[in-house]
Structures are given as C-alpha cells and as structure tokens.
N, C-alpha and C. Protein backbone atom coordinates (compact mmCIF):
# COMPACT_ATOMS: atom_id res chain seq x y z
N MET A 1 76.01 -53.20 -25.82
CA MET A 1 75.86 -53.63 -24.44
C MET A 1 74.43 -54.12 -24.23
N ALA A 2 74.28 -55.35 -23.84
CA ALA A 2 72.97 -55.96 -23.64
C ALA A 2 72.44 -55.60 -22.26
N LEU A 3 71.13 -55.41 -22.21
CA LEU A 3 70.49 -55.13 -20.92
C LEU A 3 70.27 -56.44 -20.17
N SER A 4 70.40 -56.38 -18.88
CA SER A 4 70.15 -57.57 -18.07
C SER A 4 68.66 -57.90 -18.09
N TYR A 5 68.34 -59.10 -17.68
CA TYR A 5 66.96 -59.55 -17.62
C TYR A 5 66.15 -58.62 -16.71
N ASN A 6 66.70 -58.23 -15.56
CA ASN A 6 66.01 -57.33 -14.63
C ASN A 6 65.79 -55.95 -15.24
N ALA A 7 66.79 -55.44 -15.96
CA ALA A 7 66.67 -54.12 -16.58
C ALA A 7 65.58 -54.13 -17.65
N ARG A 8 65.52 -55.22 -18.43
CA ARG A 8 64.47 -55.33 -19.46
C ARG A 8 63.09 -55.40 -18.80
N GLY A 9 62.99 -56.13 -17.70
CA GLY A 9 61.73 -56.23 -16.98
C GLY A 9 61.29 -54.88 -16.42
N PHE A 10 62.25 -54.14 -15.90
CA PHE A 10 61.95 -52.81 -15.37
C PHE A 10 61.45 -51.88 -16.47
N LEU A 11 62.11 -51.92 -17.63
CA LEU A 11 61.68 -51.07 -18.75
C LEU A 11 60.29 -51.45 -19.23
N LEU A 12 59.98 -52.73 -19.26
CA LEU A 12 58.65 -53.18 -19.67
C LEU A 12 57.60 -52.71 -18.66
N LEU A 13 57.92 -52.81 -17.38
CA LEU A 13 57.01 -52.35 -16.33
C LEU A 13 56.79 -50.84 -16.43
N LEU A 14 57.85 -50.10 -16.69
CA LEU A 14 57.76 -48.65 -16.84
C LEU A 14 56.88 -48.27 -18.03
N ALA A 15 57.05 -48.96 -19.15
CA ALA A 15 56.23 -48.70 -20.34
C ALA A 15 54.76 -49.02 -20.07
N ALA A 16 54.49 -50.12 -19.39
CA ALA A 16 53.11 -50.49 -19.06
C ALA A 16 52.47 -49.46 -18.14
N ALA A 17 53.23 -48.99 -17.17
CA ALA A 17 52.71 -47.97 -16.24
C ALA A 17 52.39 -46.68 -16.97
N SER A 18 53.22 -46.28 -17.93
CA SER A 18 52.95 -45.05 -18.66
C SER A 18 51.72 -45.19 -19.54
N LEU A 19 51.48 -46.37 -20.11
CA LEU A 19 50.27 -46.60 -20.89
C LEU A 19 49.04 -46.59 -19.99
N LEU A 20 49.16 -47.17 -18.82
CA LEU A 20 48.05 -47.18 -17.88
C LEU A 20 47.70 -45.75 -17.45
N ALA A 21 48.72 -44.96 -17.16
CA ALA A 21 48.49 -43.56 -16.77
C ALA A 21 47.80 -42.79 -17.88
N ALA A 22 48.17 -43.09 -19.11
CA ALA A 22 47.57 -42.39 -20.24
C ALA A 22 46.12 -42.80 -20.45
N SER A 23 45.70 -43.94 -19.88
CA SER A 23 44.34 -44.40 -20.10
C SER A 23 43.35 -43.83 -19.08
N GLU A 24 43.81 -43.24 -18.01
CA GLU A 24 42.92 -42.69 -17.00
C GLU A 24 42.78 -41.18 -17.18
N ALA A 25 41.53 -40.73 -17.24
CA ALA A 25 41.27 -39.31 -17.44
C ALA A 25 41.72 -38.51 -16.22
N ARG A 26 42.22 -37.30 -16.47
CA ARG A 26 42.63 -36.40 -15.40
C ARG A 26 41.66 -35.23 -15.34
N THR A 27 41.57 -34.65 -14.15
CA THR A 27 40.83 -33.41 -13.96
C THR A 27 41.84 -32.37 -13.52
N LEU A 28 42.01 -31.32 -14.31
CA LEU A 28 43.02 -30.31 -14.05
C LEU A 28 42.37 -28.94 -13.86
N VAL A 29 42.70 -28.29 -12.76
CA VAL A 29 42.23 -26.92 -12.54
C VAL A 29 43.12 -26.00 -13.36
N VAL A 30 42.54 -25.30 -14.29
CA VAL A 30 43.29 -24.39 -15.16
C VAL A 30 43.93 -23.30 -14.31
N GLY A 31 45.25 -23.20 -14.39
CA GLY A 31 45.99 -22.23 -13.59
C GLY A 31 46.37 -22.74 -12.21
N GLY A 32 46.01 -23.98 -11.89
CA GLY A 32 46.32 -24.54 -10.57
C GLY A 32 45.69 -23.70 -9.47
N SER A 33 46.45 -23.39 -8.46
CA SER A 33 45.93 -22.61 -7.32
C SER A 33 45.60 -21.17 -7.71
N GLU A 34 46.14 -20.70 -8.82
CA GLU A 34 45.84 -19.33 -9.29
C GLU A 34 44.47 -19.23 -9.94
N GLY A 35 43.96 -20.34 -10.45
CA GLY A 35 42.66 -20.34 -11.11
C GLY A 35 42.68 -19.59 -12.43
N TRP A 36 41.50 -19.19 -12.87
CA TRP A 36 41.29 -18.47 -14.14
C TRP A 36 41.25 -16.99 -13.81
N ARG A 37 42.35 -16.28 -14.11
CA ARG A 37 42.41 -14.87 -13.71
C ARG A 37 43.24 -14.06 -14.70
N TYR A 38 43.03 -12.78 -14.65
CA TYR A 38 43.73 -11.81 -15.49
C TYR A 38 45.22 -11.80 -15.16
N GLY A 39 46.07 -11.81 -16.19
CA GLY A 39 47.51 -11.65 -16.01
C GLY A 39 48.30 -12.92 -15.79
N PHE A 40 47.65 -14.07 -15.75
CA PHE A 40 48.36 -15.34 -15.55
C PHE A 40 48.72 -15.89 -16.93
N ASN A 41 49.89 -16.52 -17.06
CA ASN A 41 50.32 -17.04 -18.36
C ASN A 41 49.83 -18.48 -18.52
N TYR A 42 48.72 -18.66 -19.22
CA TYR A 42 48.12 -19.98 -19.40
C TYR A 42 48.84 -20.80 -20.46
N THR A 43 49.59 -20.16 -21.32
CA THR A 43 50.41 -20.91 -22.28
C THR A 43 51.47 -21.70 -21.53
N ASP A 44 52.16 -21.05 -20.59
CA ASP A 44 53.14 -21.75 -19.76
C ASP A 44 52.48 -22.87 -18.95
N TRP A 45 51.33 -22.57 -18.37
CA TRP A 45 50.62 -23.57 -17.59
C TRP A 45 50.29 -24.80 -18.44
N ALA A 46 49.81 -24.57 -19.66
CA ALA A 46 49.45 -25.68 -20.55
C ALA A 46 50.68 -26.52 -20.89
N PHE A 47 51.80 -25.89 -21.18
CA PHE A 47 53.02 -26.64 -21.47
C PHE A 47 53.48 -27.46 -20.26
N GLN A 48 53.37 -26.89 -19.08
CA GLN A 48 53.79 -27.60 -17.86
C GLN A 48 52.87 -28.77 -17.52
N ASN A 49 51.62 -28.72 -17.96
CA ASN A 49 50.65 -29.76 -17.62
C ASN A 49 50.33 -30.70 -18.78
N SER A 50 51.00 -30.54 -19.89
CA SER A 50 50.77 -31.41 -21.03
C SER A 50 51.63 -32.67 -20.88
N PRO A 51 51.32 -33.72 -21.55
CA PRO A 51 50.30 -33.81 -22.59
C PRO A 51 48.90 -33.95 -21.99
N PHE A 52 47.94 -33.47 -22.76
CA PHE A 52 46.53 -33.66 -22.43
C PHE A 52 46.05 -34.85 -23.25
N TYR A 53 45.02 -35.51 -22.74
CA TYR A 53 44.45 -36.66 -23.42
C TYR A 53 42.95 -36.48 -23.57
N ILE A 54 42.38 -37.17 -24.56
CA ILE A 54 40.93 -37.18 -24.73
C ILE A 54 40.32 -37.72 -23.44
N LYS A 55 39.27 -37.09 -22.99
CA LYS A 55 38.52 -37.35 -21.76
C LYS A 55 39.09 -36.63 -20.53
N ASP A 56 40.23 -35.96 -20.66
CA ASP A 56 40.70 -35.10 -19.57
C ASP A 56 39.70 -33.96 -19.42
N GLN A 57 39.55 -33.47 -18.19
CA GLN A 57 38.67 -32.34 -17.93
C GLN A 57 39.49 -31.15 -17.46
N LEU A 58 39.21 -29.99 -18.06
CA LEU A 58 39.81 -28.74 -17.63
C LEU A 58 38.77 -28.00 -16.80
N VAL A 59 39.16 -27.59 -15.61
CA VAL A 59 38.23 -26.90 -14.70
C VAL A 59 38.63 -25.44 -14.61
N PHE A 60 37.69 -24.56 -14.95
CA PHE A 60 37.91 -23.11 -14.90
C PHE A 60 37.24 -22.59 -13.64
N LYS A 61 38.05 -22.06 -12.70
CA LYS A 61 37.53 -21.52 -11.45
C LYS A 61 37.78 -20.02 -11.39
N TYR A 62 36.71 -19.26 -11.09
CA TYR A 62 36.81 -17.81 -10.98
C TYR A 62 35.61 -17.30 -10.19
N GLU A 63 35.73 -16.10 -9.66
CA GLU A 63 34.68 -15.50 -8.84
C GLU A 63 33.58 -14.88 -9.70
N ASN A 64 32.36 -14.84 -9.17
CA ASN A 64 31.21 -14.27 -9.88
C ASN A 64 31.42 -12.83 -10.32
N ASP A 65 32.01 -12.01 -9.48
CA ASP A 65 32.13 -10.58 -9.78
C ASP A 65 33.40 -10.24 -10.56
N SER A 66 34.08 -11.22 -11.09
CA SER A 66 35.36 -11.00 -11.77
C SER A 66 35.21 -10.47 -13.19
N GLY A 67 34.07 -10.72 -13.81
CA GLY A 67 33.89 -10.35 -15.22
C GLY A 67 34.49 -11.38 -16.17
N TYR A 68 34.91 -12.54 -15.66
CA TYR A 68 35.52 -13.58 -16.48
C TYR A 68 34.45 -14.52 -17.01
N SER A 69 34.80 -15.22 -18.08
CA SER A 69 33.92 -16.20 -18.70
C SER A 69 34.81 -17.22 -19.41
N VAL A 70 34.19 -18.20 -20.03
CA VAL A 70 34.94 -19.19 -20.81
C VAL A 70 34.25 -19.36 -22.16
N TYR A 71 34.98 -19.05 -23.20
CA TYR A 71 34.51 -19.25 -24.57
C TYR A 71 35.39 -20.31 -25.23
N GLN A 72 34.79 -21.03 -26.18
CA GLN A 72 35.59 -21.89 -27.04
C GLN A 72 35.68 -21.20 -28.39
N LEU A 73 36.91 -20.93 -28.79
CA LEU A 73 37.15 -20.26 -30.06
C LEU A 73 37.25 -21.29 -31.17
N PRO A 74 36.82 -20.94 -32.40
CA PRO A 74 36.73 -21.94 -33.45
C PRO A 74 38.04 -22.38 -34.10
N ASN A 75 39.07 -21.53 -34.02
CA ASN A 75 40.30 -21.87 -34.75
C ASN A 75 41.49 -21.09 -34.19
N LEU A 76 42.66 -21.41 -34.72
CA LEU A 76 43.90 -20.77 -34.25
C LEU A 76 43.89 -19.27 -34.51
N TRP A 77 43.39 -18.83 -35.66
CA TRP A 77 43.36 -17.41 -35.97
C TRP A 77 42.53 -16.63 -34.94
N SER A 78 41.37 -17.16 -34.59
CA SER A 78 40.53 -16.52 -33.57
C SER A 78 41.26 -16.48 -32.23
N TYR A 79 41.99 -17.52 -31.92
CA TYR A 79 42.76 -17.59 -30.68
C TYR A 79 43.86 -16.52 -30.66
N ILE A 80 44.61 -16.43 -31.73
CA ILE A 80 45.71 -15.45 -31.81
C ILE A 80 45.17 -14.02 -31.71
N LYS A 81 44.09 -13.74 -32.41
CA LYS A 81 43.52 -12.38 -32.48
C LYS A 81 42.53 -12.07 -31.36
N CYS A 82 42.20 -13.09 -30.54
CA CYS A 82 41.14 -12.91 -29.53
C CYS A 82 39.85 -12.42 -30.18
N ASP A 83 39.49 -13.08 -31.26
CA ASP A 83 38.28 -12.76 -32.03
C ASP A 83 37.15 -13.67 -31.56
N PHE A 84 36.15 -13.09 -30.93
CA PHE A 84 35.03 -13.85 -30.37
C PHE A 84 33.81 -13.87 -31.28
N SER A 85 33.93 -13.40 -32.51
CA SER A 85 32.78 -13.28 -33.40
C SER A 85 32.11 -14.63 -33.69
N LYS A 86 32.86 -15.72 -33.72
CA LYS A 86 32.29 -17.05 -33.98
C LYS A 86 32.54 -18.00 -32.81
N ALA A 87 32.84 -17.43 -31.66
CA ALA A 87 33.12 -18.23 -30.47
C ALA A 87 31.83 -18.72 -29.82
N LYS A 88 31.95 -19.80 -29.07
CA LYS A 88 30.81 -20.37 -28.35
C LYS A 88 31.02 -20.14 -26.86
N LEU A 89 30.03 -19.52 -26.22
CA LEU A 89 30.09 -19.30 -24.77
C LEU A 89 29.87 -20.64 -24.07
N LEU A 90 30.86 -21.04 -23.29
CA LEU A 90 30.76 -22.28 -22.52
C LEU A 90 30.33 -22.03 -21.08
N ALA A 91 30.86 -20.95 -20.49
CA ALA A 91 30.55 -20.64 -19.09
C ALA A 91 30.45 -19.13 -18.92
N SER A 92 29.35 -18.70 -18.35
CA SER A 92 29.12 -17.27 -18.13
C SER A 92 29.94 -16.78 -16.95
N GLU A 93 29.77 -15.51 -16.64
CA GLU A 93 30.50 -14.87 -15.54
C GLU A 93 30.13 -15.45 -14.18
N THR A 94 29.04 -16.20 -14.09
CA THR A 94 28.59 -16.74 -12.80
C THR A 94 28.84 -18.23 -12.66
N GLN A 95 29.45 -18.87 -13.63
CA GLN A 95 29.59 -20.33 -13.59
C GLN A 95 30.96 -20.83 -13.14
N GLY A 96 31.83 -19.95 -12.67
CA GLY A 96 33.17 -20.37 -12.29
C GLY A 96 33.38 -20.56 -10.80
N THR A 97 32.35 -20.32 -10.00
CA THR A 97 32.50 -20.44 -8.55
C THR A 97 32.36 -21.88 -8.09
N GLY A 98 32.66 -22.11 -6.83
CA GLY A 98 32.52 -23.45 -6.25
C GLY A 98 33.46 -24.44 -6.93
N GLU A 99 32.89 -25.46 -7.51
CA GLU A 99 33.68 -26.49 -8.19
C GLU A 99 34.19 -26.01 -9.55
N GLY A 100 33.71 -24.86 -10.02
CA GLY A 100 34.14 -24.31 -11.30
C GLY A 100 33.41 -24.93 -12.47
N PHE A 101 33.75 -24.46 -13.66
CA PHE A 101 33.16 -24.98 -14.89
C PHE A 101 34.09 -26.03 -15.47
N LYS A 102 33.56 -27.19 -15.83
CA LYS A 102 34.36 -28.28 -16.38
C LYS A 102 34.15 -28.39 -17.89
N ALA A 103 35.27 -28.40 -18.61
CA ALA A 103 35.24 -28.59 -20.05
C ALA A 103 36.02 -29.87 -20.36
N GLU A 104 35.34 -30.85 -20.94
CA GLU A 104 36.00 -32.11 -21.27
C GLU A 104 36.59 -32.04 -22.66
N LEU A 105 37.80 -32.53 -22.79
CA LEU A 105 38.46 -32.62 -24.10
C LEU A 105 37.95 -33.90 -24.77
N THR A 106 37.11 -33.75 -25.77
CA THR A 106 36.40 -34.90 -26.33
C THR A 106 36.92 -35.36 -27.68
N GLU A 107 37.70 -34.54 -28.35
CA GLU A 107 38.13 -34.89 -29.70
C GLU A 107 39.64 -34.70 -29.86
N TRP A 108 40.19 -35.44 -30.79
CA TRP A 108 41.60 -35.35 -31.11
C TRP A 108 41.82 -34.19 -32.08
N ARG A 109 41.67 -32.98 -31.55
CA ARG A 109 41.88 -31.74 -32.31
C ARG A 109 42.15 -30.63 -31.30
N PRO A 110 42.77 -29.56 -31.73
CA PRO A 110 43.03 -28.46 -30.79
C PRO A 110 41.74 -27.85 -30.25
N SER A 111 41.75 -27.52 -28.98
CA SER A 111 40.65 -26.79 -28.36
C SER A 111 41.21 -25.47 -27.88
N TYR A 112 40.55 -24.39 -28.24
CA TYR A 112 40.99 -23.03 -27.91
C TYR A 112 40.00 -22.41 -26.94
N PHE A 113 40.48 -21.96 -25.79
CA PHE A 113 39.63 -21.37 -24.76
C PHE A 113 40.12 -19.96 -24.45
N ALA A 114 39.18 -19.07 -24.12
CA ALA A 114 39.54 -17.69 -23.76
C ALA A 114 38.41 -17.06 -22.96
N SER A 115 38.76 -16.02 -22.20
CA SER A 115 37.77 -15.22 -21.50
C SER A 115 37.41 -14.04 -22.38
N GLY A 116 36.11 -13.86 -22.59
CA GLY A 116 35.65 -12.79 -23.48
C GLY A 116 35.29 -11.51 -22.78
N GLY A 117 35.54 -11.42 -21.49
CA GLY A 117 35.16 -10.24 -20.73
C GLY A 117 35.86 -8.97 -21.19
N LYS A 118 35.21 -7.85 -20.89
CA LYS A 118 35.71 -6.50 -21.19
C LYS A 118 36.06 -6.36 -22.67
N ASP A 119 35.14 -6.80 -23.53
CA ASP A 119 35.30 -6.70 -24.99
C ASP A 119 36.59 -7.34 -25.49
N GLY A 120 36.97 -8.46 -24.90
CA GLY A 120 38.15 -9.19 -25.33
C GLY A 120 39.44 -8.76 -24.65
N LYS A 121 39.38 -7.75 -23.81
CA LYS A 121 40.59 -7.27 -23.13
C LYS A 121 41.18 -8.34 -22.22
N ASN A 122 40.33 -9.15 -21.57
CA ASN A 122 40.84 -10.23 -20.72
C ASN A 122 41.72 -11.17 -21.53
N CYS A 123 41.34 -11.43 -22.74
CA CYS A 123 42.10 -12.31 -23.62
C CYS A 123 43.34 -11.62 -24.17
N LYS A 124 43.16 -10.43 -24.73
CA LYS A 124 44.27 -9.72 -25.40
C LYS A 124 45.33 -9.24 -24.42
N ASP A 125 44.92 -8.50 -23.41
CA ASP A 125 45.88 -7.89 -22.49
C ASP A 125 46.14 -8.76 -21.26
N GLY A 126 45.14 -9.54 -20.85
CA GLY A 126 45.24 -10.31 -19.62
C GLY A 126 45.71 -11.73 -19.80
N LEU A 127 46.04 -12.13 -21.03
CA LEU A 127 46.55 -13.47 -21.33
C LEU A 127 45.58 -14.58 -20.95
N MET A 128 44.29 -14.28 -20.83
CA MET A 128 43.32 -15.29 -20.41
C MET A 128 42.88 -16.12 -21.59
N LYS A 129 43.83 -16.91 -22.09
CA LYS A 129 43.54 -17.83 -23.18
C LYS A 129 44.49 -19.01 -23.11
N LEU A 130 44.03 -20.15 -23.56
CA LEU A 130 44.88 -21.33 -23.60
C LEU A 130 44.37 -22.27 -24.67
N PHE A 131 45.27 -23.10 -25.16
CA PHE A 131 44.83 -24.14 -26.08
C PHE A 131 45.37 -25.47 -25.61
N ALA A 132 44.61 -26.51 -25.91
CA ALA A 132 45.00 -27.87 -25.54
C ALA A 132 44.80 -28.75 -26.76
N VAL A 133 45.78 -29.60 -27.01
CA VAL A 133 45.70 -30.55 -28.11
C VAL A 133 45.74 -31.94 -27.47
N PRO A 134 44.56 -32.54 -27.22
CA PRO A 134 44.56 -33.82 -26.54
C PRO A 134 44.99 -34.96 -27.46
N LEU A 135 45.73 -35.88 -26.87
CA LEU A 135 46.16 -37.08 -27.57
C LEU A 135 45.13 -38.19 -27.36
N PRO A 136 45.06 -39.14 -28.27
CA PRO A 136 44.13 -40.26 -28.06
C PRO A 136 44.56 -41.12 -26.88
N ARG A 137 43.61 -41.78 -26.26
CA ARG A 137 43.88 -42.71 -25.16
C ARG A 137 44.07 -44.10 -25.75
N TRP A 138 44.96 -44.84 -25.17
CA TRP A 138 45.24 -46.20 -25.65
C TRP A 138 44.73 -47.20 -24.62
N ASN A 139 43.41 -47.39 -24.60
CA ASN A 139 42.86 -48.36 -23.65
C ASN A 139 41.86 -49.27 -24.30
C-alpha cells in the first residue's frame, strides 16, 4: 500500500521536527517537583525523561539542611555499590537551594550521580542515585 503524497509530506515533517527537538538542549529538574530527596525513585524518573542528549542540563534542587549532595561516580560498579571512594563532589550540601546545582551532560558516555550524605545511606537506602546516557546531537 503506497502512502499518499500528503502522508509522505507529513512523515517528513514529523522526522524533521524530531531532529530539531533533538538539537536543542533541555534543562531538567531531577525528580521534577519532588526535587533531589531521600526515598524517590530516580531510576524511574530517568526512564520517564529519557532520552537525554549531550548538552542537556540536569538540575539538582535540595534544601541546605537536608544533608544531601551531588557526586559523580566513576563507573557502573561504584554506582551499584554506592562506593564514593573515587567519586567527585560536584555540589555540596549547600549548593542545591534556589536555582539548584546544574550538571551538564557533556560526553557520549554514561554519567552516574548520587548523594553521598550519611556515609552513603542516602544512596544505598534512599535511592538517591541516577544515571544518564546522553545521545549525540545531530545539528
């Protein structure tokens, strides 16, 4: 069954729009209105908000007195185990207020984020960890 000329035009327009959308960076608040907090499932949030693209920004919002932070973990094993021994502190306990802390996805590789508060308990028991695998932009 052949597509009509109008149907082919619509499909071409739809494909162009999806490429255009992929070329513009997004700013996403991690956890949406829930923010960065203990007990929220960030794995589900990441799946619902994917795909991520290079140059997208993830914003971590949390209160100063929460004990939360943002670390970048070096690999999947550290992420699974909530091992902060080789992690890099990106945002301290005081950097999540107001506009929050922004982490830009700059490379086409997985990025692993977690809260290191309470000796890793925020990560292990509180599910305060997420990973993002940004796709390249086609622009």
